[in-house]
Amino acid sequence: MENKTKMRFENIEQRDKQLKEFRTIKYIIDKKNPLIVWIYI
């Protein structure tokens, strides 16, 4: 089973900038709140 870490961002631009740096990391953008991203570690 994989572990997830929740990351919260102030805005979409900040989120997208951070996600570009996660090229090799698996993540899911939360459906209810697009400012929350779940990172698989």
Protein backbone atom coordinates (compact mmCIF):
# COMPACT_ATOMS: atom_id res chain seq x y z
CA MET A 1 0.00 0.00 0.00
CA GLU A 2 1.25 3.45 -0.92
CA ASN A 3 1.45 6.39 1.44
CA LYS A 4 -0.06 9.70 0.48
CA THR A 5 0.93 13.18 1.62
CA LYS A 6 -1.43 16.10 1.33
CA MET A 7 -0.12 19.41 0.02
CA ARG A 8 -2.19 22.58 0.06
CA PHE A 9 -1.46 25.54 -2.21
CA GLU A 10 -2.48 29.18 -2.11
CA ASN A 11 -3.44 29.32 -5.77
CA ILE A 12 -3.46 27.33 -9.00
CA GLU A 13 -0.35 29.05 -10.41
CA GLN A 14 1.67 28.07 -7.36
CA ARG A 15 0.36 24.52 -7.56
CA ASP A 16 1.24 24.14 -11.24
CA LYS A 17 4.71 25.55 -10.72
CA GLN A 18 5.35 23.03 -7.94
CA LEU A 19 3.91 20.11 -9.90
CA LYS A 20 6.28 20.81 -12.80
CA GLU A 21 9.14 20.08 -10.41
CA PHE A 22 7.54 16.71 -9.54
CA ARG A 23 8.06 15.18 -12.99
CA THR A 24 8.86 11.74 -11.63
CA ILE A 25 6.56 11.81 -8.62
CA LYS A 26 3.08 10.34 -8.81
CA TYR A 27 0.39 12.73 -7.63
CA ILE A 28 -3.37 13.27 -7.77
CA ILE A 29 -5.14 16.62 -7.75
CA ASP A 30 -8.04 16.55 -5.30
CA LYS A 31 -11.42 16.53 -7.07
CA LYS A 32 -13.26 18.62 -4.49
CA ASN A 33 -10.53 21.19 -3.95
CA PRO A 34 -8.08 21.79 -6.82
CA LEU A 35 -5.66 23.56 -4.49
CA ILE A 36 -4.96 20.26 -2.71
CA VAL A 37 -2.59 17.73 -4.22
CA TRP A 38 -1.97 14.21 -2.90
CA ILE A 39 1.64 13.10 -3.34
CA TYR A 40 2.46 9.38 -3.34
CA ILE A 41 5.60 8.60 -1.36
